[in-house]
């Protein structure tokens, strides 16, 4: 097949050039030209004649809406983030730091799905094929298609097999293809027709139609577009593994995240045994869902009660520590907020880990203005324990109480927690789904809570004493009464 002609397009203005230039000749932007496949030069009449007929226009109310079928991955925490499982024809992009466990998790999920599919076929029997044993609807998943396929571009098949044995996946029937050429990968997908395929990673795949090196913007965009079209046309679910930049964002063009159905980020410290997987985009489920895993000798294991790893292990309460209930998707989690206030001299520092640094400066100003607690000459350090990142403003009240506790040198009562957003006027605003947060805290044995007045439950929660406040100074007054 003849190689298609390529052009260079500007990311800023969309202008094209027949060759690469350092500066765009149209808008004068530097380093903005990327290689693309040139459009066909055939007459417009011939091009439109090859297109399929347009679909009929339908009224939104007349379109039948039904839930999509999902195939569980065998990893409960991964299913939670995906919204229940893998969707037929869906494209998932997962990124994370090197060595965080992306390949390990996906290999475990493929093996679980392959084994589950084989059990389903055995239960159905040779006469029923891929139908359910009860004779009901056909089963959707790996049992009725060509199984699973792991395409590795960074390792050899022997290295993948060695990792599988290290994870205890003896006798795994997952099919492995060591290939980086896009055309060969698409041909294999067309022949094997797997239910799910993993491409590890998209930065190693290249197309013969482009002359640029694998991992370039043009190659990543073009290869991802072809794989996405193949997934939609064949019904094969495809998982793309992506590299990340030093800032932690997915490498490659931003359009890569727009093309796929789901974007997952794998987070965590490689020196810690705990990993977090977070959904940033999901067309088939809720975003901001979080899954928690623990890295063991046999791979990643889901953590059913993640609050346990984000809480302190202190035998007695210590100054500067306050527990809050954060909401990650549909899951309430208890996280310990730690604060340390120390003499800072003429240029005090404000540092936060896992929380917004600019918001910390704002909270210190509110604390000084409306509660009379001054930290002008103090270094203030705030940390969310366990490496979790809290983006919701419901952590404001817990941060302020932890700072006050550290400054006074007095610990908060045992079994104490707080949550609520704090405004610039000193008011304490309600947090969404406050009832679920309080019930989760009561279930884990907490006994005292300071919450916004709008979040106070109408019915008392057994074992939990709730102090509803409207302003920051009221919350500090409650602490004085509890001392």
Protein backbone atom coordinates (compact mmCIF):
# COMPACT_ATOMS: atom_id res chain seq x y z
CA UNK A 1 0.00 0.00 0.00
CA UNK A 2 1.37 3.40 -0.97
CA UNK A 3 2.35 5.66 1.86
CA UNK A 4 -0.06 8.56 2.33
CA UNK A 5 1.20 12.08 1.94
CA UNK A 6 1.85 14.01 5.14
CA UNK A 7 1.70 17.69 5.97
CA UNK A 8 2.60 19.77 8.98
CA UNK A 9 -0.23 21.56 10.77
CA UNK A 10 0.01 24.39 13.29
CA UNK A 11 -1.52 23.70 16.71
CA UNK A 12 -2.18 27.43 17.18
CA UNK A 13 -3.84 28.60 13.95
CA UNK A 14 -4.44 25.40 11.96
CA UNK A 15 -2.28 26.50 9.03
CA UNK A 16 -0.37 23.88 7.05
CA UNK A 17 3.12 23.63 5.60
CA UNK A 18 4.60 20.99 3.28
CA UNK A 19 7.69 20.70 5.50
CA UNK A 20 8.55 21.20 9.15
CA UNK A 21 9.55 24.71 10.19
CA UNK A 22 10.59 26.06 13.55
CA UNK A 23 8.14 28.97 13.22
CA UNK A 24 4.66 28.79 11.71
CA UNK A 25 4.62 30.92 8.53
CA UNK A 26 0.96 31.87 9.16
CA UNK A 27 0.85 32.99 12.82
CA UNK A 28 4.59 33.09 13.70
CA UNK A 29 4.16 30.68 16.63
CA UNK A 30 7.30 28.75 17.52
CA UNK A 31 7.47 24.90 17.64
CA UNK A 32 3.76 24.53 16.86
CA UNK A 33 3.94 22.45 13.65
CA UNK A 34 3.07 18.75 14.00
CA UNK A 35 2.88 16.08 11.34
CA UNK A 36 -0.55 14.99 10.07
CA UNK A 37 -1.86 12.78 7.29
CA UNK A 38 -2.92 14.89 4.30
CA UNK A 39 -6.55 14.67 3.23
CA UNK A 40 -7.41 12.88 0.03
CA UNK A 41 -7.13 14.98 -3.12
CA UNK A 42 -9.87 13.04 -4.92
CA UNK A 43 -12.75 15.11 -6.33
CA UNK A 44 -15.39 16.02 -3.79
CA UNK A 45 -18.05 14.12 -5.70
CA UNK A 46 -16.08 10.85 -5.44
CA UNK A 47 -15.28 11.40 -1.77
CA UNK A 48 -18.89 11.98 -0.77
CA UNK A 49 -20.07 9.05 -2.91
CA UNK A 50 -17.98 6.72 -0.75
CA UNK A 51 -19.62 7.90 2.45
CA UNK A 52 -22.45 5.91 4.04
CA UNK A 53 -25.98 7.26 4.07
CA UNK A 54 -26.72 9.75 6.80
CA UNK A 55 -28.67 8.56 9.81
CA UNK A 56 -32.26 9.67 10.23
CA UNK A 57 -32.91 12.61 12.51
CA UNK A 58 -34.82 11.57 15.64
CA UNK A 59 -36.44 13.47 18.48
CA UNK A 60 -34.63 13.05 21.78
CA UNK A 61 -37.81 11.89 23.53
CA UNK A 62 -38.34 9.13 20.92
CA UNK A 63 -34.86 7.63 21.36
CA UNK A 64 -34.90 4.54 23.55
CA UNK A 65 -32.36 4.90 26.37
CA UNK A 66 -31.04 1.74 28.00
CA UNK A 67 -28.20 0.99 30.37
CA UNK A 68 -25.03 -0.29 28.76
CA UNK A 69 -23.89 -3.83 29.54
CA UNK A 70 -20.72 -4.06 31.61
CA UNK A 71 -18.18 -6.81 32.11
CA UNK A 72 -16.63 -6.91 35.61
CA UNK A 73 -12.85 -6.84 35.63
CA UNK A 74 -12.49 -8.99 38.74
CA UNK A 75 -10.98 -5.99 40.58
CA UNK A 76 -13.74 -4.42 42.70
CA UNK A 77 -11.92 -1.13 43.19
CA UNK A 78 -11.26 -0.80 39.46
CA UNK A 79 -14.91 -1.63 38.71
CA UNK A 80 -15.98 1.12 41.14
CA UNK A 81 -13.93 3.72 39.26
CA UNK A 82 -15.13 2.51 35.86
CA UNK A 83 -18.76 2.66 36.97
CA UNK A 84 -19.34 -1.09 37.24
CA UNK A 85 -17.02 -2.65 34.68
CA UNK A 86 -15.75 -2.52 31.11
CA UNK A 87 -18.23 -1.36 28.44
CA UNK A 88 -18.30 -3.07 25.06
CA UNK A 89 -16.52 -0.87 22.51
CA UNK A 90 -15.34 1.54 25.21
CA UNK A 91 -11.89 3.12 25.16
CA UNK A 92 -10.12 3.71 28.48
CA UNK A 93 -6.94 5.77 28.91
CA UNK A 94 -4.95 5.16 32.11
CA UNK A 95 -1.86 7.12 33.07
CA UNK A 96 0.52 7.19 35.99
CA UNK A 97 4.14 7.51 37.06
CA UNK A 98 6.63 4.83 35.97
CA UNK A 99 6.56 1.81 38.29
CA UNK A 100 3.26 2.80 39.92
CA UNK A 101 1.61 -0.50 38.90
CA UNK A 102 -0.39 0.19 35.72
CA UNK A 103 0.80 -2.91 33.87
CA UNK A 104 0.43 -5.05 36.99
CA UNK A 105 -3.16 -4.00 37.56
CA UNK A 106 -4.19 -4.48 33.94
CA UNK A 107 -2.55 -7.89 33.70
CA UNK A 108 -4.38 -9.00 36.84
CA UNK A 109 -7.68 -7.67 35.44
CA UNK A 110 -7.19 -9.45 32.10
CA UNK A 111 -6.41 -12.73 33.84
CA UNK A 112 -9.51 -12.41 36.06
CA UNK A 113 -11.74 -11.69 33.06
CA UNK A 114 -10.24 -14.57 31.07
CA UNK A 115 -10.79 -17.03 33.93
CA UNK A 116 -14.35 -15.75 34.53
CA UNK A 117 -15.15 -16.20 30.84
CA UNK A 118 -13.86 -19.77 30.84
CA UNK A 119 -15.96 -20.61 33.92
CA UNK A 120 -19.05 -19.18 32.21
CA UNK A 121 -18.47 -21.30 29.13
CA UNK A 122 -17.96 -24.40 31.28
CA UNK A 123 -21.17 -23.72 33.20
CA UNK A 124 -23.13 -23.08 29.99
CA UNK A 125 -22.02 -26.37 28.42
CA UNK A 126 -21.13 -27.14 24.81
CA UNK A 127 -24.74 -27.20 23.67
CA UNK A 128 -25.62 -23.76 25.05
CA UNK A 129 -22.45 -22.00 23.83
CA UNK A 130 -22.17 -18.54 25.30
CA UNK A 131 -25.68 -18.45 26.70
CA UNK A 132 -26.45 -18.38 30.37
CA UNK A 133 -27.09 -21.73 32.08
CA UNK A 134 -30.67 -20.69 32.76
CA UNK A 135 -31.32 -20.17 29.04
CA UNK A 136 -31.80 -16.42 29.53
CA UNK A 137 -30.14 -13.57 27.65
CA UNK A 138 -26.72 -13.98 26.14
CA UNK A 139 -23.81 -13.20 28.39
CA UNK A 140 -21.83 -10.11 27.47
CA UNK A 141 -18.12 -10.41 28.10
CA UNK A 142 -15.04 -12.39 27.25
CA UNK A 143 -16.94 -15.70 27.15
CA UNK A 144 -18.72 -14.93 23.87
CA UNK A 145 -15.78 -13.32 22.04
CA UNK A 146 -12.11 -14.06 21.49
CA UNK A 147 -11.03 -13.61 25.10
CA UNK A 148 -8.42 -11.06 26.13
CA UNK A 149 -5.35 -9.62 24.40
CA UNK A 150 -2.35 -7.87 25.96
CA UNK A 151 -0.33 -5.86 23.42
CA UNK A 152 3.05 -4.93 24.87
CA UNK A 153 5.33 -2.43 23.21
CA UNK A 154 7.70 -1.87 26.12
CA UNK A 155 8.43 -5.47 27.11
CA UNK A 156 8.92 -8.81 25.41
CA UNK A 157 6.47 -11.67 25.78
CA UNK A 158 8.93 -13.44 28.08
CA UNK A 159 9.06 -10.43 30.42
CA UNK A 160 5.26 -10.32 30.61
CA UNK A 161 5.17 -14.07 31.34
CA UNK A 162 7.79 -13.60 34.08
CA UNK A 163 5.70 -10.87 35.71
CA UNK A 164 2.59 -13.07 35.52
CA UNK A 165 4.39 -15.87 37.38
CA UNK A 166 5.66 -13.38 39.94
CA UNK A 167 2.04 -12.31 40.52
CA UNK A 168 0.93 -15.91 40.98
CA UNK A 169 -1.02 -16.03 37.69
CA UNK A 170 0.08 -19.57 36.87
CA UNK A 171 -1.52 -21.11 33.81
CA UNK A 172 -2.89 -17.77 32.60
CA UNK A 173 -4.63 -17.98 29.22
CA UNK A 174 -4.26 -14.26 28.41
CA UNK A 175 -3.01 -13.81 24.84
CA UNK A 176 0.11 -11.65 24.47
CA UNK A 177 1.33 -9.78 21.39
CA UNK A 178 4.69 -7.99 21.41
CA UNK A 179 4.22 -5.42 18.64
CA UNK A 180 4.47 -1.65 18.13
CA UNK A 181 3.34 -1.23 14.51
CA UNK A 182 -0.24 0.04 14.37
CA UNK A 183 -1.21 -1.75 11.17
CA UNK A 184 -0.16 -5.15 12.54
CA UNK A 185 -1.98 -4.50 15.82
CA UNK A 186 -5.20 -3.59 13.98
CA UNK A 187 -4.89 -6.71 11.81
CA UNK A 188 -4.50 -8.87 14.92
CA UNK A 189 -7.54 -7.25 16.55
CA UNK A 190 -9.55 -7.92 13.39
CA UNK A 191 -8.58 -11.60 13.37
CA UNK A 192 -8.70 -12.37 17.11
CA UNK A 193 -11.74 -10.17 17.89
CA UNK A 194 -11.02 -10.08 21.64
CA UNK A 195 -13.53 -8.75 24.15
CA UNK A 196 -10.87 -6.48 25.65
CA UNK A 197 -7.39 -5.47 24.52
CA UNK A 198 -4.71 -3.57 26.42
CA UNK A 199 -2.20 -1.41 24.51
CA UNK A 200 0.86 -0.91 26.74
CA UNK A 201 1.67 1.78 25.90
CA UNK A 202 0.24 4.16 23.28
CA UNK A 203 3.53 6.13 23.21
CA UNK A 204 5.38 3.11 21.76
CA UNK A 205 2.94 2.51 18.89
CA UNK A 206 3.69 4.00 15.47
CA UNK A 207 2.00 4.09 12.08
CA UNK A 208 3.79 3.60 8.78
CA UNK A 209 1.75 6.46 7.33
CA UNK A 210 3.77 8.97 9.37
CA UNK A 211 7.50 9.54 9.28
CA UNK A 212 7.79 10.94 12.80
CA UNK A 213 9.16 8.83 15.66
CA UNK A 214 6.96 6.82 18.07
CA UNK A 215 5.76 8.95 20.95
CA UNK A 216 5.53 12.16 18.94
CA UNK A 217 2.36 14.21 19.04
CA UNK A 218 1.36 13.18 15.52
CA UNK A 219 1.95 9.46 16.11
CA UNK A 220 0.10 9.37 19.44
CA UNK A 221 -2.89 11.25 18.06
CA UNK A 222 -3.12 9.23 14.83
CA UNK A 223 -2.64 5.82 16.49
CA UNK A 224 -5.17 6.59 19.22
CA UNK A 225 -7.71 7.74 16.62
CA UNK A 226 -7.33 4.51 14.60
CA UNK A 227 -7.61 2.32 17.71
CA UNK A 228 -10.69 4.24 18.88
CA UNK A 229 -12.41 3.75 15.54
CA UNK A 230 -11.53 0.05 15.61
CA UNK A 231 -13.03 -0.30 19.10
CA UNK A 232 -16.29 1.38 18.08
CA UNK A 233 -16.57 -0.64 14.87
CA UNK A 234 -15.78 -4.08 16.33
CA UNK A 235 -17.11 -3.78 19.89
CA UNK A 236 -13.73 -4.60 21.40
CA UNK A 237 -13.01 -2.64 24.56
CA UNK A 238 -9.52 -1.11 24.39
CA UNK A 239 -7.43 0.12 27.32
CA UNK A 240 -4.61 2.51 26.42
CA UNK A 241 -1.72 2.96 28.83
CA UNK A 242 -0.27 6.47 28.63
CA UNK A 243 2.93 8.03 29.89
CA UNK A 244 2.83 11.13 32.09
CA UNK A 245 4.95 14.26 32.13
CA UNK A 246 7.02 15.41 35.09
CA UNK A 247 4.06 17.58 36.14
CA UNK A 248 1.90 14.43 36.39
CA UNK A 249 -0.33 15.12 33.36
CA UNK A 250 -0.81 12.65 30.53
CA UNK A 251 1.84 13.06 27.84
CA UNK A 252 0.82 13.77 24.28
CA UNK A 253 -1.83 16.03 22.78
CA UNK A 254 -4.76 17.12 24.90
CA UNK A 255 -7.09 15.83 22.19
CA UNK A 256 -6.09 12.32 23.28
CA UNK A 257 -8.24 12.69 26.41
CA UNK A 258 -11.17 13.96 24.33
CA UNK A 259 -11.10 10.96 21.98
CA UNK A 260 -11.43 8.27 24.66
CA UNK A 261 -14.46 7.44 26.80
CA UNK A 262 -12.74 7.19 30.18
CA UNK A 263 -9.59 8.78 31.62
CA UNK A 264 -8.05 7.25 34.75
CA UNK A 265 -5.08 8.52 36.75
CA UNK A 266 -3.01 6.14 38.86
CA UNK A 267 -1.60 8.05 41.83
CA UNK A 268 0.57 7.27 44.81
CA UNK A 269 4.12 7.27 46.08
CA UNK A 270 6.29 4.46 44.75
CA UNK A 271 7.85 4.25 48.24
CA UNK A 272 4.41 3.57 49.77
CA UNK A 273 2.40 0.38 49.41
CA UNK A 274 -0.87 2.20 48.71
CA UNK A 275 -2.11 3.33 45.30
CA UNK A 276 -5.08 5.47 44.29
CA UNK A 277 -6.85 5.28 40.94
CA UNK A 278 -9.09 8.21 40.08
CA UNK A 279 -11.58 8.78 37.25
CA UNK A 280 -11.12 12.20 35.64
CA UNK A 281 -13.53 11.56 32.75
CA UNK A 282 -16.12 8.81 32.32
CA UNK A 283 -18.88 8.77 29.71
CA UNK A 284 -20.39 5.66 31.30
CA UNK A 285 -20.24 6.57 34.99
CA UNK A 286 -19.51 9.17 37.64
CA UNK A 287 -16.28 11.16 37.66
CA UNK A 288 -14.03 11.72 40.67
CA UNK A 289 -14.61 8.15 41.83
CA UNK A 290 -11.60 6.74 43.62
CA UNK A 291 -10.28 3.21 44.04
CA UNK A 292 -7.68 2.26 46.65
CA UNK A 293 -5.16 -0.55 46.22
CA UNK A 294 -2.39 -2.00 48.32
CA UNK A 295 0.74 -3.31 46.59
CA UNK A 296 1.62 -6.78 47.86
CA UNK A 297 4.00 -9.54 46.78
CA UNK A 298 1.17 -10.99 44.68
CA UNK A 299 0.24 -7.74 42.98
CA UNK A 300 -2.37 -5.10 43.74
CA UNK A 301 -5.18 -5.89 46.15
CA UNK A 302 -8.26 -3.72 46.63
CA UNK A 303 -8.74 -1.95 49.97
CA UNK A 304 -12.40 -2.15 51.01
CA UNK A 305 -12.05 0.31 53.92
CA UNK A 306 -9.67 3.05 52.75
CA UNK A 307 -10.41 5.29 55.76
CA UNK A 308 -8.16 3.04 57.85
CA UNK A 309 -5.04 4.02 55.89
CA UNK A 310 -5.78 7.76 55.99
CA UNK A 311 -6.27 7.96 59.76
CA UNK A 312 -3.55 8.37 62.38
CA UNK A 313 -2.06 5.54 64.35
CA UNK A 314 -1.57 7.63 67.50
CA UNK A 315 -2.49 5.96 70.79
CA UNK A 316 -3.59 9.36 72.15
CA UNK A 317 -4.65 12.56 70.36
CA UNK A 318 -1.80 14.91 69.42
CA UNK A 319 -1.85 18.68 68.78
CA UNK A 320 -2.30 19.77 65.17
CA UNK A 321 -4.40 16.80 64.05
CA UNK A 322 -8.04 16.95 62.93
CA UNK A 323 -10.08 14.30 61.08
CA UNK A 324 -12.47 15.25 58.28
CA UNK A 325 -14.84 13.30 56.01
CA UNK A 326 -14.12 13.91 52.34
CA UNK A 327 -16.28 12.73 49.48
CA UNK A 328 -14.62 11.02 46.51
CA UNK A 329 -17.35 10.31 43.98
CA UNK A 330 -19.94 8.28 45.87
CA UNK A 331 -17.56 7.16 48.63
CA UNK A 332 -17.16 9.05 51.93
CA UNK A 333 -13.66 8.68 53.37
CA UNK A 334 -12.18 9.82 56.67
CA UNK A 335 -8.85 11.59 56.25
CA UNK A 336 -6.56 13.03 58.90
CA UNK A 337 -5.45 16.63 58.36
CA UNK A 338 -2.20 17.50 60.13
CA UNK A 339 -0.91 21.01 60.76
CA UNK A 340 2.37 22.26 62.18
CA UNK A 341 2.81 25.89 63.25
CA UNK A 342 6.32 27.03 64.15
CA UNK A 343 8.31 30.25 64.46
CA UNK A 344 9.00 31.53 60.96
CA UNK A 345 10.86 34.80 61.31
CA UNK A 346 10.42 37.72 58.92
CA UNK A 347 9.46 35.58 55.89
CA UNK A 348 7.14 32.82 57.12
CA UNK A 349 6.38 29.92 54.81
CA UNK A 350 3.00 28.40 53.95
CA UNK A 351 3.25 24.86 52.59
CA UNK A 352 0.48 22.33 51.96
CA UNK A 353 0.66 18.73 50.72
CA UNK A 354 -2.52 17.24 49.29
CA UNK A 355 -4.40 20.57 49.66
CA UNK A 356 -4.57 23.81 47.69
CA UNK A 357 -1.73 26.12 48.78
CA UNK A 358 -3.55 29.31 47.74
CA UNK A 359 -6.58 28.26 49.76
CA UNK A 360 -4.34 27.79 52.80
CA UNK A 361 -3.26 31.43 52.62
CA UNK A 362 -6.90 32.49 52.38
CA UNK A 363 -7.89 30.41 55.42
CA UNK A 364 -5.09 31.93 57.50
CA UNK A 365 -6.36 35.41 56.64
CA UNK A 366 -9.94 34.45 57.61
CA UNK A 367 -8.69 32.89 60.84
CA UNK A 368 -6.91 36.11 61.75
CA UNK A 369 -9.67 38.49 60.71
CA UNK A 370 -12.72 36.74 62.14
CA UNK A 371 -11.35 34.54 64.96
CA UNK A 372 -8.41 36.59 66.21
CA UNK A 373 -5.88 33.77 65.66
CA UNK A 374 -2.73 35.35 64.19
CA UNK A 375 -0.05 33.36 62.33
CA UNK A 376 1.67 36.33 60.69
CA UNK A 377 5.17 35.41 61.92
CA UNK A 378 4.67 31.64 61.95
CA UNK A 379 5.57 28.93 59.46
CA UNK A 380 2.43 26.91 58.67
CA UNK A 381 2.64 23.41 57.20
CA UNK A 382 -0.48 21.38 56.37
CA UNK A 383 -0.57 17.77 55.21
CA UNK A 384 -3.28 15.27 54.22
CA UNK A 385 -2.14 11.92 55.62
CA UNK A 386 -1.72 8.93 53.30
CA UNK A 387 -0.87 10.81 50.11
CA UNK A 388 -4.52 11.56 49.29
CA UNK A 389 -5.32 14.79 47.43
CA UNK A 390 -8.34 16.75 48.64
CA UNK A 391 -9.75 19.25 46.17
CA UNK A 392 -13.16 19.97 47.71
CA UNK A 393 -13.55 23.05 49.97
CA UNK A 394 -15.24 20.94 52.69
CA UNK A 395 -11.75 20.53 54.20
CA UNK A 396 -11.58 24.23 55.17
CA UNK A 397 -12.95 23.89 58.70
CA UNK A 398 -10.76 20.89 59.55
CA UNK A 399 -7.66 22.73 58.30
CA UNK A 400 -8.43 25.78 60.44
CA UNK A 401 -9.08 23.70 63.56
CA UNK A 402 -5.87 21.72 63.03
CA UNK A 403 -3.88 24.96 62.69
CA UNK A 404 -5.46 26.36 65.86
CA UNK A 405 -4.73 23.13 67.73
CA UNK A 406 -1.05 23.21 66.72
CA UNK A 407 -0.70 26.92 67.58
CA UNK A 408 -2.23 26.41 71.04
CA UNK A 409 -0.34 23.15 71.60
CA UNK A 410 -3.54 21.40 72.70
CA UNK A 411 -4.91 18.26 71.06
CA UNK A 412 -8.49 17.98 69.88
CA UNK A 413 -10.72 15.53 71.80
CA UNK A 414 -10.53 11.84 70.97
CA UNK A 415 -13.09 10.80 68.37
CA UNK A 416 -13.41 14.39 67.05
CA UNK A 417 -14.03 15.34 63.42
CA UNK A 418 -15.06 18.41 61.43
CA UNK A 419 -15.95 19.41 57.89
CA UNK A 420 -17.38 22.46 56.15
CA UNK A 421 -16.48 25.19 53.67
CA UNK A 422 -15.36 28.53 55.09
CA UNK A 423 -16.09 31.79 53.27
CA UNK A 424 -14.16 35.07 53.33
CA UNK A 425 -16.79 36.59 55.60
CA UNK A 426 -16.11 33.90 58.21
CA UNK A 427 -19.30 31.94 57.56
CA UNK A 428 -19.29 28.12 57.55
CA UNK A 429 -21.03 26.83 54.44
CA UNK A 430 -22.60 23.35 54.10
CA UNK A 431 -20.89 20.46 52.37
CA UNK A 432 -22.78 18.24 49.90
CA UNK A 433 -24.24 14.96 51.21
CA UNK A 434 -23.48 15.77 54.82
CA UNK A 435 -25.73 12.99 56.17
CA UNK A 436 -23.65 10.32 54.45
CA UNK A 437 -20.46 11.81 55.86
CA UNK A 438 -21.81 11.77 59.40
CA UNK A 439 -23.11 8.20 59.12
CA UNK A 440 -19.71 7.02 57.88
CA UNK A 441 -18.01 8.74 60.83
CA UNK A 442 -20.43 7.19 63.32
CA UNK A 443 -19.88 3.75 61.79
CA UNK A 444 -16.13 4.09 62.42
CA UNK A 445 -16.61 5.06 66.06
CA UNK A 446 -16.30 8.86 66.06
CA UNK A 447 -18.24 10.56 68.82
CA UNK A 448 -17.97 14.37 68.38
CA UNK A 449 -18.48 16.37 65.17
CA UNK A 450 -18.43 20.08 64.34
CA UNK A 451 -20.38 20.64 61.13
CA UNK A 452 -22.15 23.48 59.31
CA UNK A 453 -25.61 24.20 60.64
CA UNK A 454 -27.21 23.29 57.31
CA UNK A 455 -25.67 19.80 57.56
CA UNK A 456 -27.06 19.09 61.04
CA UNK A 457 -29.30 16.00 60.80
CA UNK A 458 -32.95 16.25 61.81
CA UNK A 459 -32.73 12.91 63.59
CA UNK A 460 -29.95 12.20 66.05
CA UNK A 461 -27.26 9.76 64.95
CA UNK A 462 -26.58 7.16 67.61
CA UNK A 463 -23.22 7.59 69.33
CA UNK A 464 -22.41 10.90 67.63
CA UNK A 465 -22.69 14.30 69.35
CA UNK A 466 -23.07 17.00 66.70
CA UNK A 467 -22.26 20.69 67.19
CA UNK A 468 -23.76 22.78 64.38
CA UNK A 469 -22.04 26.14 63.75
CA UNK A 470 -22.61 29.05 61.40
CA UNK A 471 -19.32 30.94 61.81
CA UNK A 472 -15.65 30.23 62.43
CA UNK A 473 -15.65 31.88 65.87
CA UNK A 474 -18.49 29.57 66.93
CA UNK A 475 -16.41 26.53 65.94
CA UNK A 476 -13.47 27.76 68.05
CA UNK A 477 -15.82 28.42 70.97
CA UNK A 478 -17.01 24.80 70.74
CA UNK A 479 -13.38 23.67 71.04
CA UNK A 480 -12.94 25.71 74.21
CA UNK A 481 -15.96 24.08 75.77
CA UNK A 482 -14.66 20.61 74.87
CA UNK A 483 -11.23 21.17 76.43
